Amino acid sequence: MLTKVAAQALILDRLKSRCAHAALSIAENGISERPFGWVFEISVEDAPVDASPAVAVPTRVIVNKHSEQVVASSVEYDVEQFVRLYEKLLAQNQASSQKWCGTITTPFPWNLWRNPTVAERAKDGGFYEIGGKEGES
């Protein structure tokens, strides 16, 4: 399980591998601890004017201390809404993982009205995972 210091290092490492152009830091007053991990506020300092970022730097990042997952959103949510949506996705993921042995397939017309998966809901909400560089574990 991650510690807060390790989570901060993980975020900066992953963001700097994507956005090498900017001086990134974690705002000290922007850290919020939750049961699943932490929500961090990211600040960009002294970005070069001529460097146009290929990838946008997120303003908020969630680190799950159990899975070491780093999640951001392309939608600017306030902190409470960001956390509430992430917790809802976690709950849906846990509920769907408990039904893994349901092997019955639905007949043709009924599968057209299926519920979206957790991944589809996350994508619709603007959530995305910030992974490490290729080849890193």
N, C-alpha and C. Protein backbone atom coordinates (compact mmCIF):
# COMPACT_ATOMS: atom_id res chain seq x y z
N MET A 1 0.85 -1.18 0.00
CA MET A 1 0.00 0.00 0.00
C MET A 1 0.90 1.24 0.00
N LEU A 2 0.50 2.22 -0.78
CA LEU A 2 1.28 3.46 -0.92
C LEU A 2 1.17 4.35 0.31
N THR A 3 2.23 5.10 0.55
CA THR A 3 2.18 6.18 1.53
C THR A 3 1.94 7.48 0.77
N LYS A 4 1.63 8.54 1.50
CA LYS A 4 1.36 9.82 0.85
C LYS A 4 2.59 10.33 0.11
N VAL A 5 3.77 10.18 0.70
CA VAL A 5 5.01 10.64 0.08
C VAL A 5 5.28 9.84 -1.21
N ALA A 6 5.07 8.53 -1.16
CA ALA A 6 5.26 7.70 -2.35
C ALA A 6 4.24 8.05 -3.43
N ALA A 7 3.01 8.38 -3.02
CA ALA A 7 1.97 8.77 -3.98
C ALA A 7 2.35 10.08 -4.68
N GLN A 8 2.89 11.03 -3.93
CA GLN A 8 3.32 12.29 -4.53
C GLN A 8 4.44 12.06 -5.54
N ALA A 9 5.40 11.22 -5.18
CA ALA A 9 6.50 10.91 -6.10
C ALA A 9 5.98 10.20 -7.35
N LEU A 10 5.01 9.30 -7.18
CA LEU A 10 4.41 8.58 -8.30
C LEU A 10 3.73 9.55 -9.27
N ILE A 11 2.98 10.49 -8.74
CA ILE A 11 2.28 11.48 -9.59
C ILE A 11 3.29 12.30 -10.38
N LEU A 12 4.27 12.85 -9.69
CA LEU A 12 5.23 13.70 -10.38
C LEU A 12 6.02 12.93 -11.43
N ASP A 13 6.37 11.69 -11.14
CA ASP A 13 7.08 10.86 -12.11
C ASP A 13 6.23 10.62 -13.36
N ARG A 14 4.97 10.26 -13.14
CA ARG A 14 4.10 9.97 -14.29
C ARG A 14 3.75 11.21 -15.09
N LEU A 15 3.51 12.32 -14.40
CA LEU A 15 3.18 13.55 -15.13
C LEU A 15 4.39 14.10 -15.87
N LYS A 16 5.57 14.01 -15.27
CA LYS A 16 6.76 14.54 -15.94
C LYS A 16 7.14 13.71 -17.15
N SER A 17 6.78 12.43 -17.15
CA SER A 17 7.05 11.61 -18.33
C SER A 17 6.13 11.99 -19.49
N ARG A 18 4.97 12.56 -19.16
CA ARG A 18 4.02 13.01 -20.20
C ARG A 18 4.21 14.47 -20.56
N CYS A 19 4.59 15.29 -19.60
CA CYS A 19 4.66 16.75 -19.79
C CYS A 19 6.04 17.24 -19.35
N ALA A 20 7.05 16.90 -20.08
CA ALA A 20 8.42 17.26 -19.69
C ALA A 20 8.69 18.76 -19.80
N HIS A 21 7.81 19.47 -20.48
CA HIS A 21 8.03 20.90 -20.74
C HIS A 21 7.79 21.79 -19.53
N ALA A 22 7.03 21.34 -18.56
CA ALA A 22 6.59 22.21 -17.47
C ALA A 22 7.20 21.80 -16.13
N ALA A 23 7.35 22.79 -15.27
CA ALA A 23 7.78 22.54 -13.90
C ALA A 23 6.52 22.27 -13.07
N LEU A 24 6.31 21.03 -12.73
CA LEU A 24 5.10 20.63 -12.01
C LEU A 24 5.37 20.50 -10.53
N SER A 25 4.35 20.81 -9.74
CA SER A 25 4.45 20.60 -8.30
C SER A 25 3.07 20.31 -7.74
N ILE A 26 3.06 19.81 -6.53
CA ILE A 26 1.81 19.51 -5.85
C ILE A 26 1.57 20.60 -4.83
N ALA A 27 0.42 21.23 -4.90
CA ALA A 27 0.08 22.31 -3.98
C ALA A 27 -0.10 21.73 -2.57
N GLU A 28 0.61 22.29 -1.61
CA GLU A 28 0.57 21.76 -0.24
C GLU A 28 -0.83 21.85 0.37
N ASN A 29 -1.56 22.92 0.08
CA ASN A 29 -2.90 23.06 0.63
C ASN A 29 -3.95 22.33 -0.21
N GLY A 30 -3.51 21.68 -1.27
CA GLY A 30 -4.45 21.00 -2.16
C GLY A 30 -4.43 19.49 -2.02
N ILE A 31 -4.05 18.98 -0.84
CA ILE A 31 -4.01 17.54 -0.63
C ILE A 31 -5.17 17.14 0.26
N SER A 32 -5.95 16.19 -0.23
CA SER A 32 -7.12 15.72 0.51
C SER A 32 -7.04 14.21 0.65
N GLU A 33 -7.05 13.72 1.89
CA GLU A 33 -6.97 12.27 2.12
C GLU A 33 -8.37 11.68 2.17
N ARG A 34 -8.52 10.53 1.52
CA ARG A 34 -9.79 9.81 1.43
C ARG A 34 -9.54 8.35 1.77
N PRO A 35 -10.59 7.56 1.98
CA PRO A 35 -10.39 6.13 2.29
C PRO A 35 -9.66 5.36 1.19
N PHE A 36 -9.85 5.74 -0.06
CA PHE A 36 -9.21 5.04 -1.18
C PHE A 36 -7.80 5.54 -1.45
N GLY A 37 -7.46 6.72 -0.95
CA GLY A 37 -6.15 7.31 -1.23
C GLY A 37 -6.17 8.81 -1.03
N TRP A 38 -5.69 9.54 -2.05
CA TRP A 38 -5.59 10.99 -1.95
C TRP A 38 -6.02 11.68 -3.23
N VAL A 39 -6.44 12.94 -3.05
CA VAL A 39 -6.69 13.83 -4.17
C VAL A 39 -5.63 14.93 -4.07
N PHE A 40 -4.89 15.13 -5.14
CA PHE A 40 -3.83 16.13 -5.17
C PHE A 40 -4.15 17.21 -6.18
N GLU A 41 -3.84 18.45 -5.81
CA GLU A 41 -3.96 19.59 -6.72
C GLU A 41 -2.59 19.79 -7.38
N ILE A 42 -2.57 19.87 -8.68
CA ILE A 42 -1.32 20.02 -9.44
C ILE A 42 -1.19 21.47 -9.89
N SER A 43 0.00 22.02 -9.73
CA SER A 43 0.23 23.37 -10.23
C SER A 43 1.41 23.35 -11.19
N VAL A 44 1.31 24.20 -12.21
CA VAL A 44 2.35 24.31 -13.23
C VAL A 44 3.05 25.65 -13.00
N GLU A 45 4.35 25.59 -12.82
CA GLU A 45 5.12 26.80 -12.55
C GLU A 45 6.11 27.06 -13.67
N ASP A 46 6.24 28.28 -14.06
CA ASP A 46 7.26 28.71 -15.02
C ASP A 46 7.26 27.90 -16.30
N ALA A 47 6.08 27.72 -16.89
CA ALA A 47 6.02 27.01 -18.17
C ALA A 47 6.57 27.91 -19.26
N PRO A 48 7.45 27.40 -20.11
CA PRO A 48 7.97 28.22 -21.21
C PRO A 48 6.83 28.67 -22.13
N VAL A 49 6.92 29.91 -22.57
CA VAL A 49 5.87 30.48 -23.41
C VAL A 49 5.81 29.79 -24.77
N ASP A 50 6.96 29.45 -25.33
CA ASP A 50 6.99 28.86 -26.67
C ASP A 50 6.66 27.37 -26.67
N ALA A 51 6.59 26.74 -25.52
CA ALA A 51 6.31 25.30 -25.45
C ALA A 51 4.81 25.09 -25.34
N SER A 52 4.21 24.62 -26.41
CA SER A 52 2.78 24.31 -26.36
C SER A 52 2.65 22.86 -25.92
N PRO A 53 1.93 22.61 -24.85
CA PRO A 53 1.85 21.24 -24.33
C PRO A 53 1.10 20.32 -25.28
N ALA A 54 1.71 19.18 -25.56
CA ALA A 54 1.05 18.18 -26.39
C ALA A 54 -0.07 17.50 -25.59
N VAL A 55 0.14 17.44 -24.28
CA VAL A 55 -0.83 16.83 -23.40
C VAL A 55 -1.16 17.83 -22.31
N ALA A 56 -2.43 18.04 -22.06
CA ALA A 56 -2.84 18.99 -21.03
C ALA A 56 -2.48 18.44 -19.65
N VAL A 57 -2.04 19.33 -18.78
CA VAL A 57 -1.72 18.96 -17.41
C VAL A 57 -3.00 19.03 -16.59
N PRO A 58 -3.38 17.94 -15.92
CA PRO A 58 -4.61 17.99 -15.12
C PRO A 58 -4.43 18.86 -13.88
N THR A 59 -5.51 19.45 -13.42
CA THR A 59 -5.44 20.27 -12.21
C THR A 59 -5.62 19.44 -10.94
N ARG A 60 -6.33 18.33 -11.05
CA ARG A 60 -6.54 17.43 -9.91
C ARG A 60 -6.22 16.00 -10.33
N VAL A 61 -5.63 15.26 -9.40
CA VAL A 61 -5.27 13.88 -9.66
C VAL A 61 -5.64 13.05 -8.44
N ILE A 62 -6.21 11.89 -8.68
CA ILE A 62 -6.52 10.94 -7.61
C ILE A 62 -5.49 9.81 -7.67
N VAL A 63 -4.98 9.43 -6.51
CA VAL A 63 -4.10 8.27 -6.41
C VAL A 63 -4.79 7.26 -5.48
N ASN A 64 -5.01 6.07 -6.02
CA ASN A 64 -5.59 4.99 -5.23
C ASN A 64 -4.43 4.28 -4.53
N LYS A 65 -4.43 4.33 -3.19
CA LYS A 65 -3.30 3.77 -2.45
C LYS A 65 -3.26 2.26 -2.47
N HIS A 66 -4.37 1.62 -2.81
CA HIS A 66 -4.43 0.16 -2.84
C HIS A 66 -3.94 -0.40 -4.18
N SER A 67 -4.28 0.27 -5.28
CA SER A 67 -3.94 -0.24 -6.62
C SER A 67 -2.82 0.55 -7.30
N GLU A 68 -2.39 1.67 -6.70
CA GLU A 68 -1.39 2.58 -7.29
C GLU A 68 -1.87 3.16 -8.62
N GLN A 69 -3.18 3.25 -8.78
CA GLN A 69 -3.77 3.84 -9.98
C GLN A 69 -3.77 5.35 -9.84
N VAL A 70 -3.36 6.04 -10.89
CA VAL A 70 -3.35 7.50 -10.93
C VAL A 70 -4.40 7.93 -11.95
N VAL A 71 -5.40 8.68 -11.49
CA VAL A 71 -6.55 9.03 -12.32
C VAL A 71 -6.73 10.54 -12.35
N ALA A 72 -7.05 11.05 -13.53
CA ALA A 72 -7.37 12.46 -13.70
C ALA A 72 -8.64 12.55 -14.53
N SER A 73 -9.10 13.77 -14.76
CA SER A 73 -10.30 13.97 -15.57
C SER A 73 -10.08 15.14 -16.52
N SER A 74 -10.59 14.99 -17.71
CA SER A 74 -10.52 16.09 -18.68
C SER A 74 -11.60 17.13 -18.40
N VAL A 75 -12.53 16.80 -17.51
CA VAL A 75 -13.59 17.72 -17.10
C VAL A 75 -13.16 18.34 -15.78
N GLU A 76 -13.33 19.65 -15.64
CA GLU A 76 -12.94 20.35 -14.42
C GLU A 76 -14.06 20.26 -13.37
N TYR A 77 -13.97 19.25 -12.52
CA TYR A 77 -14.92 19.09 -11.42
C TYR A 77 -14.36 19.78 -10.18
N ASP A 78 -15.27 20.19 -9.26
CA ASP A 78 -14.75 20.62 -7.97
C ASP A 78 -14.33 19.35 -7.21
N VAL A 79 -13.59 19.51 -6.14
CA VAL A 79 -12.99 18.37 -5.45
C VAL A 79 -14.04 17.37 -4.99
N GLU A 80 -15.09 17.84 -4.36
CA GLU A 80 -16.11 16.93 -3.83
C GLU A 80 -16.82 16.15 -4.93
N GLN A 81 -17.12 16.80 -6.02
CA GLN A 81 -17.78 16.11 -7.13
C GLN A 81 -16.83 15.12 -7.79
N PHE A 82 -15.57 15.47 -7.92
CA PHE A 82 -14.55 14.59 -8.49
C PHE A 82 -14.43 13.31 -7.65
N VAL A 83 -14.37 13.48 -6.34
CA VAL A 83 -14.27 12.34 -5.43
C VAL A 83 -15.55 11.51 -5.47
N ARG A 84 -16.69 12.16 -5.46
CA ARG A 84 -17.97 11.45 -5.47
C ARG A 84 -18.12 10.59 -6.73
N LEU A 85 -17.75 11.13 -7.88
CA LEU A 85 -17.83 10.37 -9.13
C LEU A 85 -16.84 9.21 -9.14
N TYR A 86 -15.63 9.44 -8.62
CA TYR A 86 -14.64 8.36 -8.56
C TYR A 86 -15.10 7.25 -7.62
N GLU A 87 -15.64 7.62 -6.46
CA GLU A 87 -16.14 6.61 -5.53
C GLU A 87 -17.31 5.82 -6.12
N LYS A 88 -18.14 6.49 -6.89
CA LYS A 88 -19.25 5.81 -7.55
C LYS A 88 -18.73 4.79 -8.57
N LEU A 89 -17.70 5.18 -9.34
CA LEU A 89 -17.10 4.26 -10.29
C LEU A 89 -16.44 3.07 -9.58
N LEU A 90 -15.79 3.33 -8.44
CA LEU A 90 -15.19 2.24 -7.65
C LEU A 90 -16.27 1.27 -7.17
N ALA A 91 -17.38 1.80 -6.68
CA ALA A 91 -18.47 0.95 -6.20
C ALA A 91 -19.07 0.13 -7.34
N GLN A 92 -19.25 0.74 -8.50
CA GLN A 92 -19.78 0.02 -9.66
C GLN A 92 -18.82 -1.07 -10.12
N ASN A 93 -17.53 -0.77 -10.07
CA ASN A 93 -16.53 -1.75 -10.46
C ASN A 93 -16.53 -2.94 -9.50
N GLN A 94 -16.64 -2.66 -8.23
CA GLN A 94 -16.68 -3.74 -7.24
C GLN A 94 -17.94 -4.57 -7.40
N ALA A 95 -19.08 -3.93 -7.64
CA ALA A 95 -20.32 -4.66 -7.83
C ALA A 95 -20.28 -5.53 -9.08
N SER A 96 -19.70 -5.01 -10.15
CA SER A 96 -19.65 -5.80 -11.39
C SER A 96 -18.63 -6.94 -11.28
N SER A 97 -17.59 -6.75 -10.49
CA SER A 97 -16.60 -7.83 -10.33
C SER A 97 -17.15 -8.98 -9.51
N GLN A 98 -18.16 -8.74 -8.71
CA GLN A 98 -18.77 -9.80 -7.93
C GLN A 98 -19.70 -10.65 -8.78
N LYS A 99 -20.04 -10.18 -9.97
CA LYS A 99 -20.92 -10.95 -10.87
C LYS A 99 -20.13 -11.59 -12.00
N TRP A 100 -18.85 -11.84 -11.80
CA TRP A 100 -17.99 -12.34 -12.87
C TRP A 100 -18.40 -13.70 -13.38
N CYS A 101 -19.07 -14.50 -12.56
CA CYS A 101 -19.39 -15.86 -12.99
C CYS A 101 -20.73 -15.94 -13.73
N GLY A 102 -21.38 -14.83 -13.96
CA GLY A 102 -22.64 -14.83 -14.71
C GLY A 102 -22.37 -15.10 -16.18
N THR A 103 -22.43 -16.33 -16.59
CA THR A 103 -22.04 -16.70 -17.95
C THR A 103 -23.21 -16.79 -18.92
N ILE A 104 -24.39 -16.47 -18.47
CA ILE A 104 -25.56 -16.55 -19.35
C ILE A 104 -25.53 -15.36 -20.30
N THR A 105 -25.64 -15.64 -21.58
CA THR A 105 -25.68 -14.56 -22.57
C THR A 105 -27.14 -14.19 -22.83
N THR A 106 -27.33 -12.95 -23.18
CA THR A 106 -28.70 -12.48 -23.45
C THR A 106 -29.01 -12.66 -24.92
N PRO A 107 -30.27 -12.96 -25.24
CA PRO A 107 -30.65 -13.10 -26.64
C PRO A 107 -30.54 -11.76 -27.39
N PHE A 108 -30.56 -11.83 -28.71
CA PHE A 108 -30.27 -10.69 -29.58
C PHE A 108 -30.97 -9.38 -29.22
N PRO A 109 -32.26 -9.28 -29.19
CA PRO A 109 -32.80 -7.92 -29.03
C PRO A 109 -32.48 -7.31 -27.67
N TRP A 110 -32.27 -8.14 -26.66
CA TRP A 110 -32.08 -7.60 -25.31
C TRP A 110 -30.67 -7.06 -25.10
N ASN A 111 -29.69 -7.59 -25.82
CA ASN A 111 -28.34 -7.08 -25.61
C ASN A 111 -28.13 -5.70 -26.24
N LEU A 112 -29.09 -5.22 -27.02
CA LEU A 112 -29.00 -3.86 -27.57
C LEU A 112 -29.25 -2.81 -26.49
N TRP A 113 -29.93 -3.20 -25.40
CA TRP A 113 -30.26 -2.26 -24.32
C TRP A 113 -29.43 -2.52 -23.08
N ARG A 114 -28.23 -2.96 -23.26
CA ARG A 114 -27.38 -3.27 -22.12
C ARG A 114 -26.94 -1.99 -21.40
N ASN A 115 -26.56 -2.15 -20.16
CA ASN A 115 -26.03 -1.02 -19.39
C ASN A 115 -24.57 -0.77 -19.79
N PRO A 116 -24.14 0.46 -19.78
CA PRO A 116 -22.74 0.73 -20.11
C PRO A 116 -21.81 0.14 -19.05
N THR A 117 -20.62 -0.24 -19.47
CA THR A 117 -19.64 -0.78 -18.53
C THR A 117 -19.08 0.33 -17.66
N VAL A 118 -18.35 -0.04 -16.62
CA VAL A 118 -17.72 0.95 -15.75
C VAL A 118 -16.71 1.77 -16.54
N ALA A 119 -15.97 1.12 -17.42
CA ALA A 119 -14.99 1.84 -18.24
C ALA A 119 -15.67 2.87 -19.15
N GLU A 120 -16.80 2.49 -19.72
CA GLU A 120 -17.54 3.43 -20.58
C GLU A 120 -18.08 4.60 -19.77
N ARG A 121 -18.55 4.33 -18.57
CA ARG A 121 -19.04 5.42 -17.70
C ARG A 121 -17.90 6.35 -17.31
N ALA A 122 -16.74 5.77 -17.00
CA ALA A 122 -15.58 6.59 -16.64
C ALA A 122 -15.17 7.47 -17.80
N LYS A 123 -15.12 6.91 -19.00
CA LYS A 123 -14.74 7.68 -20.18
C LYS A 123 -15.74 8.80 -20.45
N ASP A 124 -17.03 8.52 -20.28
CA ASP A 124 -18.07 9.54 -20.47
C ASP A 124 -17.91 10.68 -19.46
N GLY A 125 -17.41 10.37 -18.27
CA GLY A 125 -17.20 11.39 -17.24
C GLY A 125 -15.89 12.13 -17.38
N GLY A 126 -15.10 11.78 -18.40
CA GLY A 126 -13.82 12.45 -18.63
C GLY A 126 -12.66 11.84 -17.87
N PHE A 127 -12.87 10.75 -17.15
CA PHE A 127 -11.80 10.13 -16.37
C PHE A 127 -10.84 9.38 -17.29
N TYR A 128 -9.57 9.45 -16.95
CA TYR A 128 -8.55 8.68 -17.66
C TYR A 128 -7.42 8.36 -16.69
N GLU A 129 -6.72 7.27 -16.99
CA GLU A 129 -5.62 6.85 -16.12
C GLU A 129 -4.32 7.41 -16.68
N ILE A 130 -3.48 7.88 -15.78
CA ILE A 130 -2.16 8.36 -16.14
C ILE A 130 -1.19 7.23 -15.84
N GLY A 131 -0.74 6.59 -16.89
CA GLY A 131 0.19 5.48 -16.73
C GLY A 131 1.62 5.93 -16.81
N GLY A 132 2.52 4.99 -16.54
CA GLY A 132 3.93 5.27 -16.63
C GLY A 132 4.41 5.19 -18.06
N LYS A 133 5.70 5.33 -18.26
CA LYS A 133 6.28 5.21 -19.58
C LYS A 133 6.16 3.78 -20.07
N GLU A 134 6.22 3.60 -21.38
CA GLU A 134 6.20 2.27 -21.96
C GLU A 134 7.37 1.46 -21.40
N GLY A 135 7.09 0.22 -21.04
CA GLY A 135 8.12 -0.65 -20.53
C GLY A 135 8.29 -0.59 -19.02
N GLU A 136 7.68 0.40 -18.35
CA GLU A 136 7.76 0.46 -16.89
C GLU A 136 6.68 -0.41 -16.31
N SER A 137 6.91 -0.90 -15.13
CA SER A 137 5.87 -1.70 -14.47
C SER A 137 5.19 -0.92 -13.38
